[in-house]
Amino acid sequence: MLDHVSVGVADLERAARFYEPTLAALGLTRLVTRPATIGFGKTYPEFWINLRAGMPPVAPESGIHICLRARSTEAVDAFHAAALGAGGRSDGAPGLRPHDRVKYYAAFVIDPDGNRIEAVTFPSE
């Protein structure tokens, strides 16, 4: 259904230093670099960061939440660790989240601009 997503950032280089290792844990690499935008993906840019000069920090309760699919629980763990190592904040440690309809394994982080990013996988066990 979705082709790509983008998030606004106040400092493009700071955001790139956060997103490169964080997204690499999920198999996405930097594919496009332009003066005010960077695109990450596997075969085409699926995740963009866009410079929004003067942008105030995004409040966690703003509703911005992007969830990215991971191949395994190990990838979710690596995503979370990479994000924290690159200056992000944890908004939910990696773990199983059982719900009525489906159980899933996820981790939540907040990037340096306040955007909430999740990695999720659906273990078969």
PDB file of N, CA and C in Angstrom:
ATOM      1  N   MET A   1       0.811  -1.187   0.000  1.00  0.00           N
ATOM      2  CA  MET A   1       0.000   0.000   0.000  1.00  0.00           C
ATOM      3  C   MET A   1       0.861   1.260   0.000  1.00  0.00           C
ATOM      4  N   LEU A   2       1.862   1.338   0.850  1.00  0.00           N
ATOM      5  CA  LEU A   2       2.740   2.500   0.874  1.00  0.00           C
ATOM      6  C   LEU A   2       3.936   2.258  -0.027  1.00  0.00           C
ATOM      7  N   ASP A   3       4.374   3.308  -0.692  1.00  0.00           N
ATOM      8  CA  ASP A   3       5.574   3.219  -1.525  1.00  0.00           C
ATOM      9  C   ASP A   3       6.794   3.714  -0.768  1.00  0.00           C
ATOM     10  N   HIS A   4       6.646   4.828  -0.053  1.00  0.00           N
ATOM     11  CA  HIS A   4       7.749   5.374   0.722  1.00  0.00           C
ATOM     12  C   HIS A   4       7.193   6.298   1.800  1.00  0.00           C
ATOM     13  N   VAL A   5       8.047   6.612   2.771  1.00  0.00           N
ATOM     14  CA  VAL A   5       7.690   7.560   3.825  1.00  0.00           C
ATOM     15  C   VAL A   5       8.836   8.538   3.985  1.00  0.00           C
ATOM     16  N   SER A   6       8.533   9.681   4.582  1.00  0.00           N
ATOM     17  CA  SER A   6       9.584  10.649   4.860  1.00  0.00           C
ATOM     18  C   SER A   6       9.314  11.311   6.200  1.00  0.00           C
ATOM     19  N   VAL A   7      10.395  11.722   6.844  1.00  0.00           N
ATOM     20  CA  VAL A   7      10.292  12.452   8.100  1.00  0.00           C
ATOM     21  C   VAL A   7      11.082  13.737   7.979  1.00  0.00           C
ATOM     22  N   GLY A   8      10.592  14.780   8.605  1.00  0.00           N
ATOM     23  CA  GLY A   8      11.293  16.045   8.639  1.00  0.00           C
ATOM     24  C   GLY A   8      12.346  16.030   9.724  1.00  0.00           C
ATOM     25  N   VAL A   9      13.475  16.662   9.431  1.00  0.00           N
ATOM     26  CA  VAL A   9      14.572  16.754  10.394  1.00  0.00           C
ATOM     27  C   VAL A   9      15.118  18.180  10.393  1.00  0.00           C
ATOM     28  N   ALA A  10      15.598  18.621  11.541  1.00  0.00           N
ATOM     29  CA  ALA A  10      16.125  19.977  11.665  1.00  0.00           C
ATOM     30  C   ALA A  10      17.572  20.076  11.199  1.00  0.00           C
ATOM     31  N   ASP A  11      18.315  18.969  11.278  1.00  0.00           N
ATOM     32  CA  ASP A  11      19.733  18.945  10.913  1.00  0.00           C
ATOM     33  C   ASP A  11      19.973  17.675  10.098  1.00  0.00           C
ATOM     34  N   LEU A  12      20.168  17.830   8.806  1.00  0.00           N
ATOM     35  CA  LEU A  12      20.262  16.676   7.910  1.00  0.00           C
ATOM     36  C   LEU A  12      21.459  15.785   8.232  1.00  0.00           C
ATOM     37  N   GLU A  13      22.613  16.364   8.507  1.00  0.00           N
ATOM     38  CA  GLU A  13      23.800  15.549   8.805  1.00  0.00           C
ATOM     39  C   GLU A  13      23.652  14.798  10.125  1.00  0.00           C
ATOM     40  N   ARG A  14      23.088  15.451  11.141  1.00  0.00           N
ATOM     41  CA  ARG A  14      22.852  14.772  12.420  1.00  0.00           C
ATOM     42  C   ARG A  14      21.885  13.610  12.216  1.00  0.00           C
ATOM     43  N   ALA A  15      20.835  13.849  11.456  1.00  0.00           N
ATOM     44  CA  ALA A  15      19.858  12.794  11.185  1.00  0.00           C
ATOM     45  C   ALA A  15      20.491  11.650  10.399  1.00  0.00           C
ATOM     46  N   ALA A  16      21.353  11.979   9.443  1.00  0.00           N
ATOM     47  CA  ALA A  16      22.023  10.932   8.669  1.00  0.00           C
ATOM     48  C   ALA A  16      22.900  10.070   9.570  1.00  0.00           C
ATOM     49  N   ARG A  17      23.588  10.698  10.522  1.00  0.00           N
ATOM     50  CA  ARG A  17      24.419   9.934  11.462  1.00  0.00           C
ATOM     51  C   ARG A  17      23.571   9.009  12.328  1.00  0.00           C
ATOM     52  N   PHE A  18      22.333   9.387  12.590  1.00  0.00           N
ATOM     53  CA  PHE A  18      21.416   8.524  13.339  1.00  0.00           C
ATOM     54  C   PHE A  18      20.846   7.421  12.441  1.00  0.00           C
ATOM     55  N   TYR A  19      20.320   7.799  11.280  1.00  0.00           N
ATOM     56  CA  TYR A  19      19.591   6.844  10.451  1.00  0.00           C
ATOM     57  C   TYR A  19      20.469   5.841   9.714  1.00  0.00           C
ATOM     58  N   GLU A  20      21.680   6.208   9.335  1.00  0.00           N
ATOM     59  CA  GLU A  20      22.514   5.238   8.603  1.00  0.00           C
ATOM     60  C   GLU A  20      22.716   3.945   9.385  1.00  0.00           C
ATOM     61  N   PRO A  21      23.212   3.971  10.617  1.00  0.00           N
ATOM     62  CA  PRO A  21      23.374   2.695  11.335  1.00  0.00           C
ATOM     63  C   PRO A  21      22.052   2.084  11.776  1.00  0.00           C
ATOM     64  N   THR A  22      21.080   2.913  12.098  1.00  0.00           N
ATOM     65  CA  THR A  22      19.793   2.405  12.569  1.00  0.00           C
ATOM     66  C   THR A  22      19.075   1.637  11.461  1.00  0.00           C
ATOM     67  N   LEU A  23      19.011   2.217  10.281  1.00  0.00           N
ATOM     68  CA  LEU A  23      18.335   1.558   9.163  1.00  0.00           C
ATOM     69  C   LEU A  23      19.170   0.423   8.579  1.00  0.00           C
ATOM     70  N   ALA A  24      20.495   0.508   8.690  1.00  0.00           N
ATOM     71  CA  ALA A  24      21.356  -0.580   8.208  1.00  0.00           C
ATOM     72  C   ALA A  24      21.042  -1.879   8.943  1.00  0.00           C
ATOM     73  N   ALA A  25      20.642  -1.790  10.204  1.00  0.00           N
ATOM     74  CA  ALA A  25      20.279  -2.985  10.971  1.00  0.00           C
ATOM     75  C   ALA A  25      19.076  -3.702  10.358  1.00  0.00           C
ATOM     76  N   LEU A  26      18.299  -2.974   9.547  1.00  0.00           N
ATOM     77  CA  LEU A  26      17.127  -3.556   8.884  1.00  0.00           C
ATOM     78  C   LEU A  26      17.379  -3.799   7.395  1.00  0.00           C
ATOM     79  N   GLY A  27      18.617  -3.599   6.949  1.00  0.00           N
ATOM     80  CA  GLY A  27      18.969  -3.867   5.562  1.00  0.00           C
ATOM     81  C   GLY A  27      18.781  -2.699   4.616  1.00  0.00           C
ATOM     82  N   LEU A  28      18.533  -1.490   5.127  1.00  0.00           N
ATOM     83  CA  LEU A  28      18.383  -0.313   4.285  1.00  0.00           C
ATOM     84  C   LEU A  28      19.686   0.471   4.275  1.00  0.00           C
ATOM     85  N   THR A  29      20.091   0.946   3.103  1.00  0.00           N
ATOM     86  CA  THR A  29      21.301   1.750   2.978  1.00  0.00           C
ATOM     87  C   THR A  29      20.966   3.084   2.310  1.00  0.00           C
ATOM     88  N   ARG A  30      21.902   4.007   2.412  1.00  0.00           N
ATOM     89  CA  ARG A  30      21.720   5.308   1.767  1.00  0.00           C
ATOM     90  C   ARG A  30      21.846   5.113   0.266  1.00  0.00           C
ATOM     91  N   LEU A  31      20.800   5.485  -0.466  1.00  0.00           N
ATOM     92  CA  LEU A  31      20.796   5.338  -1.923  1.00  0.00           C
ATOM     93  C   LEU A  31      20.827   6.672  -2.654  1.00  0.00           C
ATOM     94  N   VAL A  32      20.273   7.716  -2.030  1.00  0.00           N
ATOM     95  CA  VAL A  32      20.183   9.027  -2.675  1.00  0.00           C
ATOM     96  C   VAL A  32      20.620  10.086  -1.675  1.00  0.00           C
ATOM     97  N   THR A  33      21.473  10.997  -2.138  1.00  0.00           N
ATOM     98  CA  THR A  33      21.870  12.141  -1.313  1.00  0.00           C
ATOM     99  C   THR A  33      21.696  13.400  -2.146  1.00  0.00           C
ATOM    100  N   ARG A  34      20.875  14.297  -1.652  1.00  0.00           N
ATOM    101  CA  ARG A  34      20.650  15.592  -2.291  1.00  0.00           C
ATOM    102  C   ARG A  34      20.885  16.672  -1.234  1.00  0.00           C
ATOM    103  N   PRO A  35      20.942  17.933  -1.623  1.00  0.00           N
ATOM    104  CA  PRO A  35      21.243  18.980  -0.636  1.00  0.00           C
ATOM    105  C   PRO A  35      20.295  19.010   0.576  1.00  0.00           C
ATOM    106  N   ALA A  36      19.035  18.690   0.392  1.00  0.00           N
ATOM    107  CA  ALA A  36      18.083  18.800   1.506  1.00  0.00           C
ATOM    108  C   ALA A  36      17.340  17.502   1.798  1.00  0.00           C
ATOM    109  N   THR A  37      17.803  16.386   1.240  1.00  0.00           N
ATOM    110  CA  THR A  37      17.107  15.126   1.471  1.00  0.00           C
ATOM    111  C   THR A  37      18.048  13.949   1.271  1.00  0.00           C
ATOM    112  N   ILE A  38      17.792  12.876   2.001  1.00  0.00           N
ATOM    113  CA  ILE A  38      18.545  11.630   1.855  1.00  0.00           C
ATOM    114  C   ILE A  38      17.537  10.496   1.820  1.00  0.00           C
ATOM    115  N   GLY A  39      17.705   9.585   0.863  1.00  0.00           N
ATOM    116  CA  GLY A  39      16.803   8.448   0.721  1.00  0.00           C
ATOM    117  C   GLY A  39      17.508   7.141   1.039  1.00  0.00           C
ATOM    118  N   PHE A  40      16.865   6.309   1.851  1.00  0.00           N
ATOM    119  CA  PHE A  40      17.391   5.002   2.236  1.00  0.00           C
ATOM    120  C   PHE A  40      16.467   3.912   1.701  1.00  0.00           C
ATOM    121  N   GLY A  41      17.036   2.769   1.391  1.00  0.00           N
ATOM    122  CA  GLY A  41      16.204   1.664   0.941  1.00  0.00           C
ATOM    123  C   GLY A  41      17.025   0.431   0.664  1.00  0.00           C
ATOM    124  N   LYS A  42      16.350  -0.565   0.083  1.00  0.00           N
ATOM    125  CA  LYS A  42      17.019  -1.801  -0.312  1.00  0.00           C
ATOM    126  C   LYS A  42      17.333  -1.753  -1.801  1.00  0.00           C
ATOM    127  N   THR A  43      16.328  -1.480  -2.624  1.00  0.00           N
ATOM    128  CA  THR A  43      16.548  -1.354  -4.066  1.00  0.00           C
ATOM    129  C   THR A  43      16.129   0.015  -4.592  1.00  0.00           C
ATOM    130  N   TYR A  44      15.321   0.733  -3.850  1.00  0.00           N
ATOM    131  CA  TYR A  44      14.933   2.100  -4.189  1.00  0.00           C
ATOM    132  C   TYR A  44      14.680   2.836  -2.873  1.00  0.00           C
ATOM    133  N   PRO A  45      14.693   4.161  -2.864  1.00  0.00           N
ATOM    134  CA  PRO A  45      14.489   4.898  -1.614  1.00  0.00           C
ATOM    135  C   PRO A  45      13.074   4.700  -1.065  1.00  0.00           C
ATOM    136  N   GLU A  46      13.004   4.042   0.064  1.00  0.00           N
ATOM    137  CA  GLU A  46      11.728   3.767   0.735  1.00  0.00           C
ATOM    138  C   GLU A  46      11.517   4.675   1.938  1.00  0.00           C
ATOM    139  N   PHE A  47      12.621   5.163   2.496  1.00  0.00           N
ATOM    140  CA  PHE A  47      12.582   5.973   3.711  1.00  0.00           C
ATOM    141  C   PHE A  47      13.431   7.212   3.475  1.00  0.00           C
ATOM    142  N   TRP A  48      12.803   8.376   3.571  1.00  0.00           N
ATOM    143  CA  TRP A  48      13.480   9.640   3.301  1.00  0.00           C
ATOM    144  C   TRP A  48      13.569  10.477   4.564  1.00  0.00           C
ATOM    145  N   ILE A  49      14.676  11.201   4.706  1.00  0.00           N
ATOM    146  CA  ILE A  49      14.758  12.255   5.705  1.00  0.00           C
ATOM    147  C   ILE A  49      14.897  13.566   4.936  1.00  0.00           C
ATOM    148  N   ASN A  50      14.096  14.557   5.325  1.00  0.00           N
ATOM    149  CA  ASN A  50      14.031  15.824   4.607  1.00  0.00           C
ATOM    150  C   ASN A  50      14.333  16.983   5.542  1.00  0.00           C
ATOM    151  N   LEU A  51      15.278  17.826   5.148  1.00  0.00           N
ATOM    152  CA  LEU A  51      15.650  18.987   5.945  1.00  0.00           C
ATOM    153  C   LEU A  51      14.482  19.956   6.029  1.00  0.00           C
ATOM    154  N   ARG A  52      14.164  20.333   7.243  1.00  0.00           N
ATOM    155  CA  ARG A  52      13.154  21.354   7.514  1.00  0.00           C
ATOM    156  C   ARG A  52      13.822  22.367   8.443  1.00  0.00           C
ATOM    157  N   ALA A  53      14.580  23.282   7.850  1.00  0.00           N
ATOM    158  CA  ALA A  53      15.337  24.262   8.625  1.00  0.00           C
ATOM    159  C   ALA A  53      14.413  25.002   9.584  1.00  0.00           C
ATOM    160  N   GLY A  54      14.859  25.159  10.816  1.00  0.00           N
ATOM    161  CA  GLY A  54      14.062  25.865  11.816  1.00  0.00           C
ATOM    162  C   GLY A  54      12.938  25.048  12.405  1.00  0.00           C
ATOM    163  N   MET A  55      12.882  23.777  12.058  1.00  0.00           N
ATOM    164  CA  MET A  55      11.814  22.915  12.562  1.00  0.00           C
ATOM    165  C   MET A  55      11.968  22.729  14.073  1.00  0.00           C
ATOM    166  N   PRO A  56      10.919  22.970  14.831  1.00  0.00           N
ATOM    167  CA  PRO A  56      11.013  22.694  16.268  1.00  0.00           C
ATOM    168  C   PRO A  56      10.986  21.186  16.498  1.00  0.00           C
ATOM    169  N   PRO A  57      11.514  20.723  17.636  1.00  0.00           N
ATOM    170  CA  PRO A  57      11.463  19.283  17.915  1.00  0.00           C
ATOM    171  C   PRO A  57      10.026  18.762  17.873  1.00  0.00           C
ATOM    172  N   VAL A  58       9.874  17.552  17.382  1.00  0.00           N
ATOM    173  CA  VAL A  58       8.562  16.914  17.312  1.00  0.00           C
ATOM    174  C   VAL A  58       8.238  16.371  18.694  1.00  0.00           C
ATOM    175  N   ALA A  59       7.077  16.675  19.196  1.00  0.00           N
ATOM    176  CA  ALA A  59       6.652  16.136  20.490  1.00  0.00           C
ATOM    177  C   ALA A  59       6.258  14.677  20.323  1.00  0.00           C
ATOM    178  N   PRO A  60       6.654  13.799  21.264  1.00  0.00           N
ATOM    179  CA  PRO A  60       6.297  12.379  21.143  1.00  0.00           C
ATOM    180  C   PRO A  60       4.798  12.154  21.004  1.00  0.00           C
ATOM    181  N   GLU A  61       4.003  13.037  21.568  1.00  0.00           N
ATOM    182  CA  GLU A  61       2.558  12.866  21.467  1.00  0.00           C
ATOM    183  C   GLU A  61       1.977  13.464  20.186  1.00  0.00           C
ATOM    184  N   SER A  62       2.845  13.856  19.244  1.00  0.00           N
ATOM    185  CA  SER A  62       2.380  14.464  18.003  1.00  0.00           C
ATOM    186  C   SER A  62       1.698  13.461  17.082  1.00  0.00           C
ATOM    187  N   GLY A  63       1.917  12.172  17.316  1.00  0.00           N
ATOM    188  CA  GLY A  63       1.296  11.159  16.475  1.00  0.00           C
ATOM    189  C   GLY A  63       2.216  10.613  15.407  1.00  0.00           C
ATOM    190  N   ILE A  64       3.402  11.210  15.225  1.00  0.00           N
ATOM    191  CA  ILE A  64       4.333  10.697  14.219  1.00  0.00           C
ATOM    192  C   ILE A  64       4.861   9.349  14.696  1.00  0.00           C
ATOM    193  N   HIS A  65       4.582   8.331  13.903  1.00  0.00           N
ATOM    194  CA  HIS A  65       5.007   6.966  14.238  1.00  0.00           C
ATOM    195  C   HIS A  65       5.144   6.200  12.935  1.00  0.00           C
ATOM    196  N   ILE A  66       6.345   5.705  12.683  1.00  0.00           N
ATOM    197  CA  ILE A  66       6.591   4.927  11.480  1.00  0.00           C
ATOM    198  C   ILE A  66       7.116   3.575  11.918  1.00  0.00           C
ATOM    199  N   CYS A  67       6.516   2.518  11.397  1.00  0.00           N
ATOM    200  CA  CYS A  67       6.926   1.161  11.747  1.00  0.00           C
ATOM    201  C   CYS A  67       7.555   0.498  10.530  1.00  0.00           C
ATOM    202  N   LEU A  68       8.736  -0.081  10.733  1.00  0.00           N
ATOM    203  CA  LEU A  68       9.471  -0.752   9.668  1.00  0.00           C
ATOM    204  C   LEU A  68       9.549  -2.236   9.963  1.00  0.00           C
ATOM    205  N   ARG A  69       9.363  -3.063   8.960  1.00  0.00           N
ATOM    206  CA  ARG A  69       9.388  -4.516   9.129  1.00  0.00           C
ATOM    207  C   ARG A  69      10.815  -5.020   9.201  1.00  0.00           C
ATOM    208  N   ALA A  70      11.071  -5.872  10.177  1.00  0.00           N
ATOM    209  CA  ALA A  70      12.376  -6.520  10.334  1.00  0.00           C
ATOM    210  C   ALA A  70      12.228  -7.993   9.986  1.00  0.00           C
ATOM    211  N   ARG A  71      13.318  -8.619   9.568  1.00  0.00           N
ATOM    212  CA  ARG A  71      13.288 -10.038   9.190  1.00  0.00           C
ATOM    213  C   ARG A  71      13.308 -10.975  10.386  1.00  0.00           C
ATOM    214  N   SER A  72      13.794 -10.493  11.539  1.00  0.00           N
ATOM    215  CA  SER A  72      13.957 -11.380  12.687  1.00  0.00           C
ATOM    216  C   SER A  72      13.975 -10.584  13.980  1.00  0.00           C
ATOM    217  N   THR A  73      13.879 -11.306  15.096  1.00  0.00           N
ATOM    218  CA  THR A  73      14.001 -10.647  16.392  1.00  0.00           C
ATOM    219  C   THR A  73      15.407 -10.082  16.560  1.00  0.00           C
ATOM    220  N   GLU A  74      16.398 -10.765  16.002  1.00  0.00           N
ATOM    221  CA  GLU A  74      17.771 -10.264  16.083  1.00  0.00           C
ATOM    222  C   GLU A  74      17.911  -8.922  15.365  1.00  0.00           C
ATOM    223  N   ALA A  75      17.227  -8.769  14.247  1.00  0.00           N
ATOM    224  CA  ALA A  75      17.265  -7.495  13.521  1.00  0.00           C
ATOM    225  C   ALA A  75      16.594  -6.388  14.328  1.00  0.00           C
ATOM    226  N   VAL A  76      15.499  -6.715  15.006  1.00  0.00           N
ATOM    227  CA  VAL A  76      14.836  -5.731  15.874  1.00  0.00           C
ATOM    228  C   VAL A  76      15.796  -5.309  16.987  1.00  0.00           C
ATOM    229  N   ASP A  77      16.462  -6.283  17.600  1.00  0.00           N
ATOM    230  CA  ASP A  77      17.430  -5.985  18.655  1.00  0.00           C
ATOM    231  C   ASP A  77      18.553  -5.089  18.121  1.00  0.00           C
ATOM    232  N   ALA A  78      19.061  -5.408  16.929  1.00  0.00           N
ATOM    233  CA  ALA A  78      20.148  -4.636  16.326  1.00  0.00           C
ATOM    234  C   ALA A  78      19.692  -3.212  15.999  1.00  0.00           C
ATOM    235  N   PHE A  79      18.469  -3.067  15.510  1.00  0.00           N
ATOM    236  CA  PHE A  79      17.883  -1.755  15.223  1.00  0.00           C
ATOM    237  C   PHE A  79      17.876  -0.899  16.487  1.00  0.00           C
ATOM    238  N   HIS A  80      17.378  -1.462  17.572  1.00  0.00           N
ATOM    239  CA  HIS A  80      17.270  -0.726  18.828  1.00  0.00           C
ATOM    240  C   HIS A  80      18.654  -0.328  19.334  1.00  0.00           C
ATOM    241  N   ALA A  81      19.583  -1.267  19.337  1.00  0.00           N
ATOM    242  CA  ALA A  81      20.946  -0.988  19.805  1.00  0.00           C
ATOM    243  C   ALA A  81      21.620   0.072  18.938  1.00  0.00           C
ATOM    244  N   ALA A  82      21.471  -0.035  17.626  1.00  0.00           N
ATOM    245  CA  ALA A  82      22.080   0.942  16.721  1.00  0.00           C
ATOM    246  C   ALA A  82      21.496   2.332  16.940  1.00  0.00           C
ATOM    247  N   ALA A  83      20.187   2.398  17.117  1.00  0.00           N
ATOM    248  CA  ALA A  83      19.529   3.691  17.338  1.00  0.00           C
ATOM    249  C   ALA A  83      20.034   4.353  18.616  1.00  0.00           C
ATOM    250  N   LEU A  84      20.146   3.574  19.684  1.00  0.00           N
ATOM    251  CA  LEU A  84      20.634   4.139  20.941  1.00  0.00           C
ATOM    252  C   LEU A  84      22.094   4.561  20.817  1.00  0.00           C
ATOM    253  N   GLY A  85      22.885   3.762  20.108  1.00  0.00           N
ATOM    254  CA  GLY A  85      24.289   4.092  19.897  1.00  0.00           C
ATOM    255  C   GLY A  85      24.499   5.317  19.026  1.00  0.00           C
ATOM    256  N   ALA A  86      23.491   5.656  18.227  1.00  0.00           N
ATOM    257  CA  ALA A  86      23.596   6.794  17.308  1.00  0.00           C
ATOM    258  C   ALA A  86      22.879   8.043  17.837  1.00  0.00           C
ATOM    259  N   GLY A  87      22.508   8.029  19.108  1.00  0.00           N
ATOM    260  CA  GLY A  87      21.923   9.235  19.697  1.00  0.00           C
ATOM    261  C   GLY A  87      20.421   9.230  19.853  1.00  0.00           C
ATOM    262  N   GLY A  88      19.774   8.114  19.550  1.00  0.00           N
ATOM    263  CA  GLY A  88      18.332   8.029  19.751  1.00  0.00           C
ATOM    264  C   GLY A  88      17.995   7.675  21.186  1.00  0.00           C
ATOM    265  N   ARG A  89      16.707   7.754  21.508  1.00  0.00           N
ATOM    266  CA  ARG A  89      16.219   7.381  22.839  1.00  0.00           C
ATOM    267  C   ARG A  89      15.271   6.206  22.710  1.00  0.00           C
ATOM    268  N   SER A  90      15.302   5.333  23.676  1.00  0.00           N
ATOM    269  CA  SER A  90      14.389   4.197  23.671  1.00  0.00           C
ATOM    270  C   SER A  90      12.988   4.670  24.044  1.00  0.00           C
ATOM    271  N   ASP A  91      12.013   4.150  23.336  1.00  0.00           N
ATOM    272  CA  ASP A  91      10.607   4.408  23.653  1.00  0.00           C
ATOM    273  C   ASP A  91       9.891   3.079  23.843  1.00  0.00           C
ATOM    274  N   GLY A  92      10.686   2.025  24.039  1.00  0.00           N
ATOM    275  CA  GLY A  92      10.168   0.680  24.241  1.00  0.00           C
ATOM    276  C   GLY A  92      11.227  -0.318  23.841  1.00  0.00           C
ATOM    277  N   ALA A  93      11.809  -0.989  24.822  1.00  0.00           N
ATOM    278  CA  ALA A  93      12.885  -1.948  24.559  1.00  0.00           C
ATOM    279  C   ALA A  93      12.383  -3.106  23.704  1.00  0.00           C
ATOM    280  N   PRO A  94      13.290  -3.791  22.998  1.00  0.00           N
ATOM    281  CA  PRO A  94      12.879  -4.947  22.199  1.00  0.00           C
ATOM    282  C   PRO A  94      12.191  -5.990  23.074  1.00  0.00           C
ATOM    283  N   GLY A  95      11.118  -6.528  22.553  1.00  0.00           N
ATOM    284  CA  GLY A  95      10.423  -7.564  23.303  1.00  0.00           C
ATOM    285  C   GLY A  95       9.161  -8.017  22.613  1.00  0.00           C
ATOM    286  N   LEU A  96       8.631  -9.117  23.116  1.00  0.00           N
ATOM    287  CA  LEU A  96       7.391  -9.686  22.598  1.00  0.00           C
ATOM    288  C   LEU A  96       6.215  -8.876  23.117  1.00  0.00           C
ATOM    289  N   ARG A  97       5.313  -8.560  22.228  1.00  0.00           N
ATOM    290  CA  ARG A  97       4.104  -7.829  22.586  1.00  0.00           C
ATOM    291  C   ARG A  97       2.895  -8.670  22.188  1.00  0.00           C
ATOM    292  N   PRO A  98       2.421  -9.489  23.110  1.00  0.00           N
ATOM    293  CA  PRO A  98       1.247 -10.317  22.793  1.00  0.00           C
ATOM    294  C   PRO A  98      -0.039  -9.489  22.907  1.00  0.00           C
ATOM    295  N   HIS A  99      -0.863  -9.609  21.907  1.00  0.00           N
ATOM    296  CA  HIS A  99      -2.159  -8.930  21.893  1.00  0.00           C
ATOM    297  C   HIS A  99      -3.231  -9.949  21.542  1.00  0.00           C
ATOM    298  N   ASP A 100      -4.466  -9.524  21.572  1.00  0.00           N
ATOM    299  CA  ASP A 100      -5.578 -10.434  21.305  1.00  0.00           C
ATOM    300  C   ASP A 100      -5.484 -11.113  19.946  1.00  0.00           C
ATOM    301  N   ARG A 101      -5.226 -10.350  18.900  1.00  0.00           N
ATOM    302  CA  ARG A 101      -5.238 -10.903  17.548  1.00  0.00           C
ATOM    303  C   ARG A 101      -3.908 -11.490  17.107  1.00  0.00           C
ATOM    304  N   VAL A 102      -2.809 -10.862  17.508  1.00  0.00           N
ATOM    305  CA  VAL A 102      -1.500 -11.264  16.988  1.00  0.00           C
ATOM    306  C   VAL A 102      -0.421 -10.956  18.018  1.00  0.00           C
ATOM    307  N   LYS A 103       0.607 -11.787  18.045  1.00  0.00           N
ATOM    308  CA  LYS A 103       1.765 -11.446  18.873  1.00  0.00           C
ATOM    309  C   LYS A 103       2.870 -10.981  17.942  1.00  0.00           C
ATOM    310  N   TYR A 104       3.587  -9.997  18.401  1.00  0.00           N
ATOM    311  CA  TYR A 104       4.681  -9.484  17.596  1.00  0.00           C
ATOM    312  C   TYR A 104       5.831  -9.085  18.490  1.00  0.00           C
ATOM    313  N   TYR A 105       7.004  -8.964  17.891  1.00  0.00           N
ATOM    314  CA  TYR A 105       8.230  -8.585  18.587  1.00  0.00           C
ATOM    315  C   TYR A 105       8.643  -7.238  18.029  1.00  0.00           C
ATOM    316  N   ALA A 106       8.817  -6.254  18.898  1.00  0.00           N
ATOM    317  CA  ALA A 106       9.078  -4.906  18.411  1.00  0.00           C
ATOM    318  C   ALA A 106       9.979  -4.130  19.359  1.00  0.00           C
ATOM    319  N   ALA A 107      10.517  -3.045  18.829  1.00  0.00           N
ATOM    320  CA  ALA A 107      11.267  -2.064  19.610  1.00  0.00           C
ATOM    321  C   ALA A 107      10.904  -0.688  19.078  1.00  0.00           C
ATOM    322  N   PHE A 108      10.900   0.287  19.961  1.00  0.00           N
ATOM    323  CA  PHE A 108      10.519   1.644  19.619  1.00  0.00           C
ATOM    324  C   PHE A 108      11.644   2.595  20.013  1.00  0.00           C
ATOM    325  N   VAL A 109      11.968   3.530  19.119  1.00  0.00           N
ATOM    326  CA  VAL A 109      12.982   4.540  19.410  1.00  0.00           C
ATOM    327  C   VAL A 109      12.465   5.915  19.004  1.00  0.00           C
ATOM    328  N   ILE A 110      13.091   6.922  19.566  1.00  0.00           N
ATOM    329  CA  ILE A 110      12.799   8.308  19.196  1.00  0.00           C
ATOM    330  C   ILE A 110      14.086   8.890  18.618  1.00  0.00           C
ATOM    331  N   ASP A 111      13.995   9.408  17.396  1.00  0.00           N
ATOM    332  CA  ASP A 111      15.181   9.958  16.735  1.00  0.00           C
ATOM    333  C   ASP A 111      15.545  11.317  17.344  1.00  0.00           C
ATOM    334  N   PRO A 112      16.678  11.912  16.959  1.00  0.00           N
ATOM    335  CA  PRO A 112      17.086  13.192  17.550  1.00  0.00           C
ATOM    336  C   PRO A 112      16.102  14.335  17.326  1.00  0.00           C
ATOM    337  N   ASP A 113      15.181  14.192  16.378  1.00  0.00           N
ATOM    338  CA  ASP A 113      14.191  15.234  16.126  1.00  0.00           C
ATOM    339  C   ASP A 113      12.842  14.939  16.776  1.00  0.00           C
ATOM    340  N   GLY A 114      12.728  13.814  17.466  1.00  0.00           N
ATOM    341  CA  GLY A 114      11.485  13.485  18.156  1.00  0.00           C
ATOM    342  C   GLY A 114      10.552  12.575  17.383  1.00  0.00           C
ATOM    343  N   ASN A 115      10.951  12.111  16.186  1.00  0.00           N
ATOM    344  CA  ASN A 115      10.126  11.182  15.417  1.00  0.00           C
ATOM    345  C   ASN A 115      10.191   9.799  16.062  1.00  0.00           C
ATOM    346  N   ARG A 116       9.060   9.125  16.164  1.00  0.00           N
ATOM    347  CA  ARG A 116       8.989   7.799  16.789  1.00  0.00           C
ATOM    348  C   ARG A 116       9.065   6.733  15.696  1.00  0.00           C
ATOM    349  N   ILE A 117      10.089   5.879  15.768  1.00  0.00           N
ATOM    350  CA  ILE A 117      10.325   4.852  14.767  1.00  0.00           C
ATOM    351  C   ILE A 117      10.284   3.486  15.451  1.00  0.00           C
ATOM    352  N   GLU A 118       9.595   2.550  14.838  1.00  0.00           N
ATOM    353  CA  GLU A 118       9.458   1.194  15.379  1.00  0.00           C
ATOM    354  C   GLU A 118      10.012   0.192  14.381  1.00  0.00           C
ATOM    355  N   ALA A 119      10.576  -0.891  14.893  1.00  0.00           N
ATOM    356  CA  ALA A 119      10.922  -2.049  14.074  1.00  0.00           C
ATOM    357  C   ALA A 119      10.107  -3.225  14.619  1.00  0.00           C
ATOM    358  N   VAL A 120       9.533  -4.029  13.721  1.00  0.00           N
ATOM    359  CA  VAL A 120       8.654  -5.119  14.134  1.00  0.00           C
ATOM    360  C   VAL A 120       8.907  -6.364  13.307  1.00  0.00           C
ATOM    361  N   THR A 121       8.726  -7.508  13.945  1.00  0.00           N
ATOM    362  CA  THR A 121       8.709  -8.778  13.250  1.00  0.00           C
ATOM    363  C   THR A 121       7.650  -9.638  13.906  1.00  0.00           C
ATOM    364  N   PHE A 122       7.200 -10.651  13.198  1.00  0.00           N
ATOM    365  CA  PHE A 122       6.145 -11.531  13.690  1.00  0.00           C
ATOM    366  C   PHE A 122       6.700 -12.952  13.794  1.00  0.00           C
ATOM    367  N   PRO A 123       7.273 -13.300  14.953  1.00  0.00           N
ATOM    368  CA  PRO A 123       7.876 -14.622  15.096  1.00  0.00           C
ATOM    369  C   PRO A 123       6.837 -15.726  14.985  1.00  0.00           C
ATOM    370  N   SER A 124       7.235 -16.837  14.383  1.00  0.00           N
ATOM    371  CA  SER A 124       6.296 -17.933  14.194  1.00  0.00           C
ATOM    372  C   SER A 124       6.168 -18.803  15.435  1.00  0.00           C
ATOM    373  N   GLU A 125       7.121 -18.707  16.333  1.00  0.00           N
ATOM    374  CA  GLU A 125       7.078 -19.525  17.551  1.00  0.00           C
ATOM    375  C   GLU A 125       6.277 -18.856  18.636  1.00  0.00           C
TER     376      GLU A 125
END
